[in-house]
Amino acid sequence: MDNALIVLIPISVAVVGLIVVLLWWAARSGQFDDMEGPAHAILMDDDAPRADDASRIVDTPLAENADDAQKPT
């Protein structure tokens, strides 16, 4: 059991040190500066502007009058 502690304690200290260094680097490089900007940016409407009316498909019934569609031929 003593041999396992001799190996595991330095490994755990190294892992904790690595985590501290990574958190320090993230804080210094500005990773935590704007936490809400990306969350709100996804809600912004950035769709392309619509095309003019001539190029859009118009959804109209084939018969001009609804009564014409009901009459048998």
PDB file of N, CA and C in Angstrom:
ATOM      1  N   MET A   1       0.824  -1.189   0.000  1.00  0.00           N
ATOM      2  CA  MET A   1       0.000   0.000   0.000  1.00  0.00           C
ATOM      3  C   MET A   1       0.869   1.255   0.000  1.00  0.00           C
ATOM      4  N   ASP A   2       1.993   1.210   0.663  1.00  0.00           N
ATOM      5  CA  ASP A   2       2.881   2.366   0.701  1.00  0.00           C
ATOM      6  C   ASP A   2       3.433   2.690  -0.684  1.00  0.00           C
ATOM      7  N   ASN A   3       3.650   1.664  -1.489  1.00  0.00           N
ATOM      8  CA  ASN A   3       4.162   1.899  -2.840  1.00  0.00           C
ATOM      9  C   ASN A   3       3.129   2.631  -3.696  1.00  0.00           C
ATOM     10  N   ALA A   4       1.862   2.309  -3.495  1.00  0.00           N
ATOM     11  CA  ALA A   4       0.805   2.968  -4.261  1.00  0.00           C
ATOM     12  C   ALA A   4       0.713   4.444  -3.887  1.00  0.00           C
ATOM     13  N   LEU A   5       0.860   4.755  -2.592  1.00  0.00           N
ATOM     14  CA  LEU A   5       0.807   6.152  -2.164  1.00  0.00           C
ATOM     15  C   LEU A   5       1.992   6.950  -2.694  1.00  0.00           C
ATOM     16  N   ILE A   6       3.129   6.301  -2.786  1.00  0.00           N
ATOM     17  CA  ILE A   6       4.322   6.976  -3.299  1.00  0.00           C
ATOM     18  C   ILE A   6       4.122   7.381  -4.760  1.00  0.00           C
ATOM     19  N   VAL A   7       3.339   6.613  -5.489  1.00  0.00           N
ATOM     20  CA  VAL A   7       3.077   6.916  -6.896  1.00  0.00           C
ATOM     21  C   VAL A   7       1.882   7.863  -7.036  1.00  0.00           C
ATOM     22  N   LEU A   8       0.809   7.616  -6.295  1.00  0.00           N
ATOM     23  CA  LEU A   8      -0.429   8.360  -6.493  1.00  0.00           C
ATOM     24  C   LEU A   8      -0.379   9.798  -5.973  1.00  0.00           C
ATOM     25  N   ILE A   9       0.323  10.037  -4.882  1.00  0.00           N
ATOM     26  CA  ILE A   9       0.374  11.397  -4.333  1.00  0.00           C
ATOM     27  C   ILE A   9       1.078  12.363  -5.297  1.00  0.00           C
ATOM     28  N   PRO A  10       2.235  12.041  -5.840  1.00  0.00           N
ATOM     29  CA  PRO A  10       2.834  12.972  -6.817  1.00  0.00           C
ATOM     30  C   PRO A  10       1.991  13.144  -8.085  1.00  0.00           C
ATOM     31  N   ILE A  11       1.331  12.082  -8.518  1.00  0.00           N
ATOM     32  CA  ILE A  11       0.469  12.196  -9.699  1.00  0.00           C
ATOM     33  C   ILE A  11      -0.693  13.139  -9.412  1.00  0.00           C
ATOM     34  N   SER A  12      -1.328  13.006  -8.247  1.00  0.00           N
ATOM     35  CA  SER A  12      -2.459  13.874  -7.919  1.00  0.00           C
ATOM     36  C   SER A  12      -2.011  15.321  -7.737  1.00  0.00           C
ATOM     37  N   VAL A  13      -0.840  15.543  -7.159  1.00  0.00           N
ATOM     38  CA  VAL A  13      -0.322  16.906  -7.014  1.00  0.00           C
ATOM     39  C   VAL A  13      -0.036  17.503  -8.393  1.00  0.00           C
ATOM     40  N   ALA A  14       0.488  16.706  -9.306  1.00  0.00           N
ATOM     41  CA  ALA A  14       0.761  17.186 -10.662  1.00  0.00           C
ATOM     42  C   ALA A  14      -0.535  17.523 -11.396  1.00  0.00           C
ATOM     43  N   VAL A  15      -1.572  16.711 -11.227  1.00  0.00           N
ATOM     44  CA  VAL A  15      -2.857  16.972 -11.884  1.00  0.00           C
ATOM     45  C   VAL A  15      -3.481  18.254 -11.332  1.00  0.00           C
ATOM     46  N   VAL A  16      -3.448  18.439 -10.026  1.00  0.00           N
ATOM     47  CA  VAL A  16      -3.987  19.659  -9.424  1.00  0.00           C
ATOM     48  C   VAL A  16      -3.193  20.873  -9.911  1.00  0.00           C
ATOM     49  N   GLY A  17      -1.887  20.750  -9.985  1.00  0.00           N
ATOM     50  CA  GLY A  17      -1.064  21.844 -10.496  1.00  0.00           C
ATOM     51  C   GLY A  17      -1.394  22.176 -11.940  1.00  0.00           C
ATOM     52  N   LEU A  18      -1.623  21.163 -12.758  1.00  0.00           N
ATOM     53  CA  LEU A  18      -1.993  21.380 -14.157  1.00  0.00           C
ATOM     54  C   LEU A  18      -3.335  22.094 -14.262  1.00  0.00           C
ATOM     55  N   ILE A  19      -4.287  21.701 -13.427  1.00  0.00           N
ATOM     56  CA  ILE A  19      -5.601  22.352 -13.439  1.00  0.00           C
ATOM     57  C   ILE A  19      -5.474  23.820 -13.028  1.00  0.00           C
ATOM     58  N   VAL A  20      -4.669  24.095 -12.020  1.00  0.00           N
ATOM     59  CA  VAL A  20      -4.471  25.478 -11.575  1.00  0.00           C
ATOM     60  C   VAL A  20      -3.827  26.303 -12.684  1.00  0.00           C
ATOM     61  N   VAL A  21      -2.831  25.747 -13.357  1.00  0.00           N
ATOM     62  CA  VAL A  21      -2.168  26.467 -14.451  1.00  0.00           C
ATOM     63  C   VAL A  21      -3.144  26.727 -15.591  1.00  0.00           C
ATOM     64  N   LEU A  22      -3.968  25.757 -15.942  1.00  0.00           N
ATOM     65  CA  LEU A  22      -4.938  25.942 -17.022  1.00  0.00           C
ATOM     66  C   LEU A  22      -5.983  26.997 -16.664  1.00  0.00           C
ATOM     67  N   LEU A  23      -6.466  26.997 -15.435  1.00  0.00           N
ATOM     68  CA  LEU A  23      -7.427  28.020 -15.018  1.00  0.00           C
ATOM     69  C   LEU A  23      -6.788  29.404 -14.989  1.00  0.00           C
ATOM     70  N   TRP A  24      -5.536  29.488 -14.549  1.00  0.00           N
ATOM     71  CA  TRP A  24      -4.829  30.767 -14.545  1.00  0.00           C
ATOM     72  C   TRP A  24      -4.654  31.284 -15.973  1.00  0.00           C
ATOM     73  N   TRP A  25      -4.262  30.401 -16.887  1.00  0.00           N
ATOM     74  CA  TRP A  25      -4.094  30.797 -18.288  1.00  0.00           C
ATOM     75  C   TRP A  25      -5.424  31.269 -18.886  1.00  0.00           C
ATOM     76  N   ALA A  26      -6.517  30.547 -18.599  1.00  0.00           N
ATOM     77  CA  ALA A  26      -7.822  30.913 -19.150  1.00  0.00           C
ATOM     78  C   ALA A  26      -8.268  32.278 -18.633  1.00  0.00           C
ATOM     79  N   ALA A  27      -8.028  32.546 -17.370  1.00  0.00           N
ATOM     80  CA  ALA A  27      -8.427  33.835 -16.804  1.00  0.00           C
ATOM     81  C   ALA A  27      -7.571  34.968 -17.367  1.00  0.00           C
ATOM     82  N   ARG A  28      -6.290  34.735 -17.562  1.00  0.00           N
ATOM     83  CA  ARG A  28      -5.395  35.773 -18.077  1.00  0.00           C
ATOM     84  C   ARG A  28      -5.609  36.047 -19.563  1.00  0.00           C
ATOM     85  N   SER A  29      -6.062  35.052 -20.317  1.00  0.00           N
ATOM     86  CA  SER A  29      -6.219  35.239 -21.764  1.00  0.00           C
ATOM     87  C   SER A  29      -7.609  35.738 -22.140  1.00  0.00           C
ATOM     88  N   GLY A  30      -8.480  35.972 -21.159  1.00  0.00           N
ATOM     89  CA  GLY A  30      -9.785  36.558 -21.447  1.00  0.00           C
ATOM     90  C   GLY A  30     -10.862  35.553 -21.805  1.00  0.00           C
ATOM     91  N   GLN A  31     -10.698  34.316 -21.428  1.00  0.00           N
ATOM     92  CA  GLN A  31     -11.694  33.306 -21.759  1.00  0.00           C
ATOM     93  C   GLN A  31     -13.011  33.531 -21.021  1.00  0.00           C
ATOM     94  N   PHE A  32     -12.966  34.211 -19.880  1.00  0.00           N
ATOM     95  CA  PHE A  32     -14.167  34.410 -19.078  1.00  0.00           C
ATOM     96  C   PHE A  32     -14.659  35.855 -19.123  1.00  0.00           C
ATOM     97  N   ASP A  33     -14.231  36.641 -20.098  1.00  0.00           N
ATOM     98  CA  ASP A  33     -14.604  38.054 -20.147  1.00  0.00           C
ATOM     99  C   ASP A  33     -16.082  38.264 -20.445  1.00  0.00           C
ATOM    100  N   ASP A  34     -16.600  37.631 -21.471  1.00  0.00           N
ATOM    101  CA  ASP A  34     -17.993  37.847 -21.878  1.00  0.00           C
ATOM    102  C   ASP A  34     -18.738  36.520 -21.828  1.00  0.00           C
ATOM    103  N   MET A  35     -19.392  36.273 -20.720  1.00  0.00           N
ATOM    104  CA  MET A  35     -20.093  34.996 -20.556  1.00  0.00           C
ATOM    105  C   MET A  35     -21.497  35.035 -21.149  1.00  0.00           C
ATOM    106  N   GLU A  36     -22.093  36.213 -21.333  1.00  0.00           N
ATOM    107  CA  GLU A  36     -23.469  36.290 -21.802  1.00  0.00           C
ATOM    108  C   GLU A  36     -23.592  36.659 -23.270  1.00  0.00           C
ATOM    109  N   GLY A  37     -22.558  37.195 -23.873  1.00  0.00           N
ATOM    110  CA  GLY A  37     -22.619  37.603 -25.273  1.00  0.00           C
ATOM    111  C   GLY A  37     -22.951  36.457 -26.221  1.00  0.00           C
ATOM    112  N   PRO A  38     -22.225  35.333 -26.168  1.00  0.00           N
ATOM    113  CA  PRO A  38     -22.551  34.221 -27.062  1.00  0.00           C
ATOM    114  C   PRO A  38     -23.937  33.632 -26.797  1.00  0.00           C
ATOM    115  N   ALA A  39     -24.393  33.691 -25.562  1.00  0.00           N
ATOM    116  CA  ALA A  39     -25.722  33.158 -25.255  1.00  0.00           C
ATOM    117  C   ALA A  39     -26.813  34.006 -25.900  1.00  0.00           C
ATOM    118  N   HIS A  40     -26.614  35.307 -25.946  1.00  0.00           N
ATOM    119  CA  HIS A  40     -27.599  36.187 -26.574  1.00  0.00           C
ATOM    120  C   HIS A  40     -27.436  36.236 -28.087  1.00  0.00           C
ATOM    121  N   ALA A  41     -26.237  36.004 -28.571  1.00  0.00           N
ATOM    122  CA  ALA A  41     -25.989  36.078 -30.015  1.00  0.00           C
ATOM    123  C   ALA A  41     -26.754  35.002 -30.774  1.00  0.00           C
ATOM    124  N   ILE A  42     -26.984  33.869 -30.143  1.00  0.00           N
ATOM    125  CA  ILE A  42     -27.703  32.794 -30.833  1.00  0.00           C
ATOM    126  C   ILE A  42     -29.167  33.162 -31.042  1.00  0.00           C
ATOM    127  N   LEU A  43     -29.681  34.089 -30.246  1.00  0.00           N
ATOM    128  CA  LEU A  43     -31.074  34.498 -30.379  1.00  0.00           C
ATOM    129  C   LEU A  43     -31.268  35.601 -31.412  1.00  0.00           C
ATOM    130  N   MET A  44     -30.189  36.225 -31.841  1.00  0.00           N
ATOM    131  CA  MET A  44     -30.286  37.307 -32.818  1.00  0.00           C
ATOM    132  C   MET A  44     -30.651  36.742 -34.186  1.00  0.00           C
ATOM    133  N   ASP A  45     -31.458  37.498 -34.920  1.00  0.00           N
ATOM    134  CA  ASP A  45     -31.902  37.067 -36.241  1.00  0.00           C
ATOM    135  C   ASP A  45     -30.885  37.526 -37.274  1.00  0.00           C
ATOM    136  N   ASP A  46     -30.164  36.582 -37.846  1.00  0.00           N
ATOM    137  CA  ASP A  46     -29.164  36.935 -38.839  1.00  0.00           C
ATOM    138  C   ASP A  46     -29.459  36.268 -40.179  1.00  0.00           C
ATOM    139  N   ASP A  47     -30.740  36.084 -40.467  1.00  0.00           N
ATOM    140  CA  ASP A  47     -31.120  35.489 -41.741  1.00  0.00           C
ATOM    141  C   ASP A  47     -30.822  36.461 -42.877  1.00  0.00           C
ATOM    142  N   ALA A  48     -30.634  35.901 -44.048  1.00  0.00           N
ATOM    143  CA  ALA A  48     -30.405  36.726 -45.232  1.00  0.00           C
ATOM    144  C   ALA A  48     -31.698  37.453 -45.587  1.00  0.00           C
ATOM    145  N   PRO A  49     -31.605  38.612 -46.194  1.00  0.00           N
ATOM    146  CA  PRO A  49     -32.832  39.322 -46.580  1.00  0.00           C
ATOM    147  C   PRO A  49     -33.620  38.518 -47.608  1.00  0.00           C
ATOM    148  N   ARG A  50     -34.921  38.698 -47.586  1.00  0.00           N
ATOM    149  CA  ARG A  50     -35.788  37.953 -48.500  1.00  0.00           C
ATOM    150  C   ARG A  50     -35.575  38.399 -49.935  1.00  0.00           C
ATOM    151  N   ALA A  51     -35.815  37.485 -50.842  1.00  0.00           N
ATOM    152  CA  ALA A  51     -35.731  37.807 -52.263  1.00  0.00           C
ATOM    153  C   ALA A  51     -36.961  38.621 -52.661  1.00  0.00           C
ATOM    154  N   ASP A  52     -36.917  39.243 -53.831  1.00  0.00           N
ATOM    155  CA  ASP A  52     -38.074  40.023 -54.264  1.00  0.00           C
ATOM    156  C   ASP A  52     -39.260  39.092 -54.543  1.00  0.00           C
ATOM    157  N   ASP A  53     -40.438  39.654 -54.621  1.00  0.00           N
ATOM    158  CA  ASP A  53     -41.662  38.858 -54.743  1.00  0.00           C
ATOM    159  C   ASP A  53     -41.709  38.044 -56.032  1.00  0.00           C
ATOM    160  N   ALA A  54     -41.076  38.482 -57.089  1.00  0.00           N
ATOM    161  CA  ALA A  54     -41.156  37.774 -58.368  1.00  0.00           C
ATOM    162  C   ALA A  54     -40.433  36.432 -58.321  1.00  0.00           C
ATOM    163  N   SER A  55     -39.431  36.308 -57.489  1.00  0.00           N
ATOM    164  CA  SER A  55     -38.666  35.066 -57.475  1.00  0.00           C
ATOM    165  C   SER A  55     -39.181  34.054 -56.451  1.00  0.00           C
ATOM    166  N   ARG A  56     -40.147  34.441 -55.630  1.00  0.00           N
ATOM    167  CA  ARG A  56     -40.680  33.516 -54.631  1.00  0.00           C
ATOM    168  C   ARG A  56     -41.790  32.667 -55.221  1.00  0.00           C
ATOM    169  N   ILE A  57     -41.975  31.488 -54.684  1.00  0.00           N
ATOM    170  CA  ILE A  57     -43.070  30.613 -55.097  1.00  0.00           C
ATOM    171  C   ILE A  57     -44.324  31.066 -54.366  1.00  0.00           C
ATOM    172  N   VAL A  58     -45.383  31.276 -55.110  1.00  0.00           N
ATOM    173  CA  VAL A  58     -46.640  31.738 -54.530  1.00  0.00           C
ATOM    174  C   VAL A  58     -47.515  30.519 -54.293  1.00  0.00           C
ATOM    175  N   ASP A  59     -48.048  30.423 -53.098  1.00  0.00           N
ATOM    176  CA  ASP A  59     -48.881  29.282 -52.727  1.00  0.00           C
ATOM    177  C   ASP A  59     -50.345  29.654 -52.944  1.00  0.00           C
ATOM    178  N   THR A  60     -50.858  29.385 -54.137  1.00  0.00           N
ATOM    179  CA  THR A  60     -52.254  29.673 -54.452  1.00  0.00           C
ATOM    180  C   THR A  60     -52.917  28.404 -54.945  1.00  0.00           C
ATOM    181  N   PRO A  61     -54.211  28.280 -54.724  1.00  0.00           N
ATOM    182  CA  PRO A  61     -54.906  27.093 -55.234  1.00  0.00           C
ATOM    183  C   PRO A  61     -54.957  27.108 -56.757  1.00  0.00           C
ATOM    184  N   LEU A  62     -55.119  25.936 -57.342  1.00  0.00           N
ATOM    185  CA  LEU A  62     -55.163  25.831 -58.799  1.00  0.00           C
ATOM    186  C   LEU A  62     -56.430  26.450 -59.365  1.00  0.00           C
ATOM    187  N   ALA A  63     -57.540  26.286 -58.685  1.00  0.00           N
ATOM    188  CA  ALA A  63     -58.805  26.862 -59.153  1.00  0.00           C
ATOM    189  C   ALA A  63     -58.887  28.307 -58.680  1.00  0.00           C
ATOM    190  N   GLU A  64     -59.394  29.181 -59.533  1.00  0.00           N
ATOM    191  CA  GLU A  64     -59.517  30.590 -59.175  1.00  0.00           C
ATOM    192  C   GLU A  64     -60.597  30.797 -58.124  1.00  0.00           C
ATOM    193  N   ASN A  65     -61.613  29.977 -58.156  1.00  0.00           N
ATOM    194  CA  ASN A  65     -62.721  30.123 -57.237  1.00  0.00           C
ATOM    195  C   ASN A  65     -62.902  28.788 -56.521  1.00  0.00           C
ATOM    196  N   ALA A  66     -63.212  28.820 -55.263  1.00  0.00           N
ATOM    197  CA  ALA A  66     -63.390  27.583 -54.506  1.00  0.00           C
ATOM    198  C   ALA A  66     -64.588  26.793 -55.022  1.00  0.00           C
ATOM    199  N   ASP A  67     -65.623  27.486 -55.561  1.00  0.00           N
ATOM    200  CA  ASP A  67     -66.790  26.790 -56.103  1.00  0.00           C
ATOM    201  C   ASP A  67     -66.426  26.008 -57.364  1.00  0.00           C
ATOM    202  N   ASP A  68     -65.490  26.517 -58.153  1.00  0.00           N
ATOM    203  CA  ASP A  68     -65.070  25.813 -59.363  1.00  0.00           C
ATOM    204  C   ASP A  68     -64.417  24.478 -59.024  1.00  0.00           C
ATOM    205  N   ALA A  69     -63.742  24.409 -57.903  1.00  0.00           N
ATOM    206  CA  ALA A  69     -63.066  23.174 -57.523  1.00  0.00           C
ATOM    207  C   ALA A  69     -64.067  22.111 -57.090  1.00  0.00           C
ATOM    208  N   GLN A  70     -65.250  22.517 -56.639  1.00  0.00           N
ATOM    209  CA  GLN A  70     -66.242  21.576 -56.155  1.00  0.00           C
ATOM    210  C   GLN A  70     -67.157  21.050 -57.256  1.00  0.00           C
ATOM    211  N   LYS A  71     -67.282  21.733 -58.392  1.00  0.00           N
ATOM    212  CA  LYS A  71     -68.205  21.332 -59.455  1.00  0.00           C
ATOM    213  C   LYS A  71     -67.659  20.125 -60.211  1.00  0.00           C
ATOM    214  N   PRO A  72     -68.508  19.110 -60.414  1.00  0.00           N
ATOM    215  CA  PRO A  72     -68.059  17.978 -61.235  1.00  0.00           C
ATOM    216  C   PRO A  72     -68.068  18.374 -62.712  1.00  0.00           C
ATOM    217  N   THR A  73     -67.218  17.793 -63.485  1.00  0.00           N
ATOM    218  CA  THR A  73     -67.160  18.112 -64.916  1.00  0.00           C
ATOM    219  C   THR A  73     -67.867  17.093 -65.746  1.00  0.00           C
TER     220      THR A  73
END
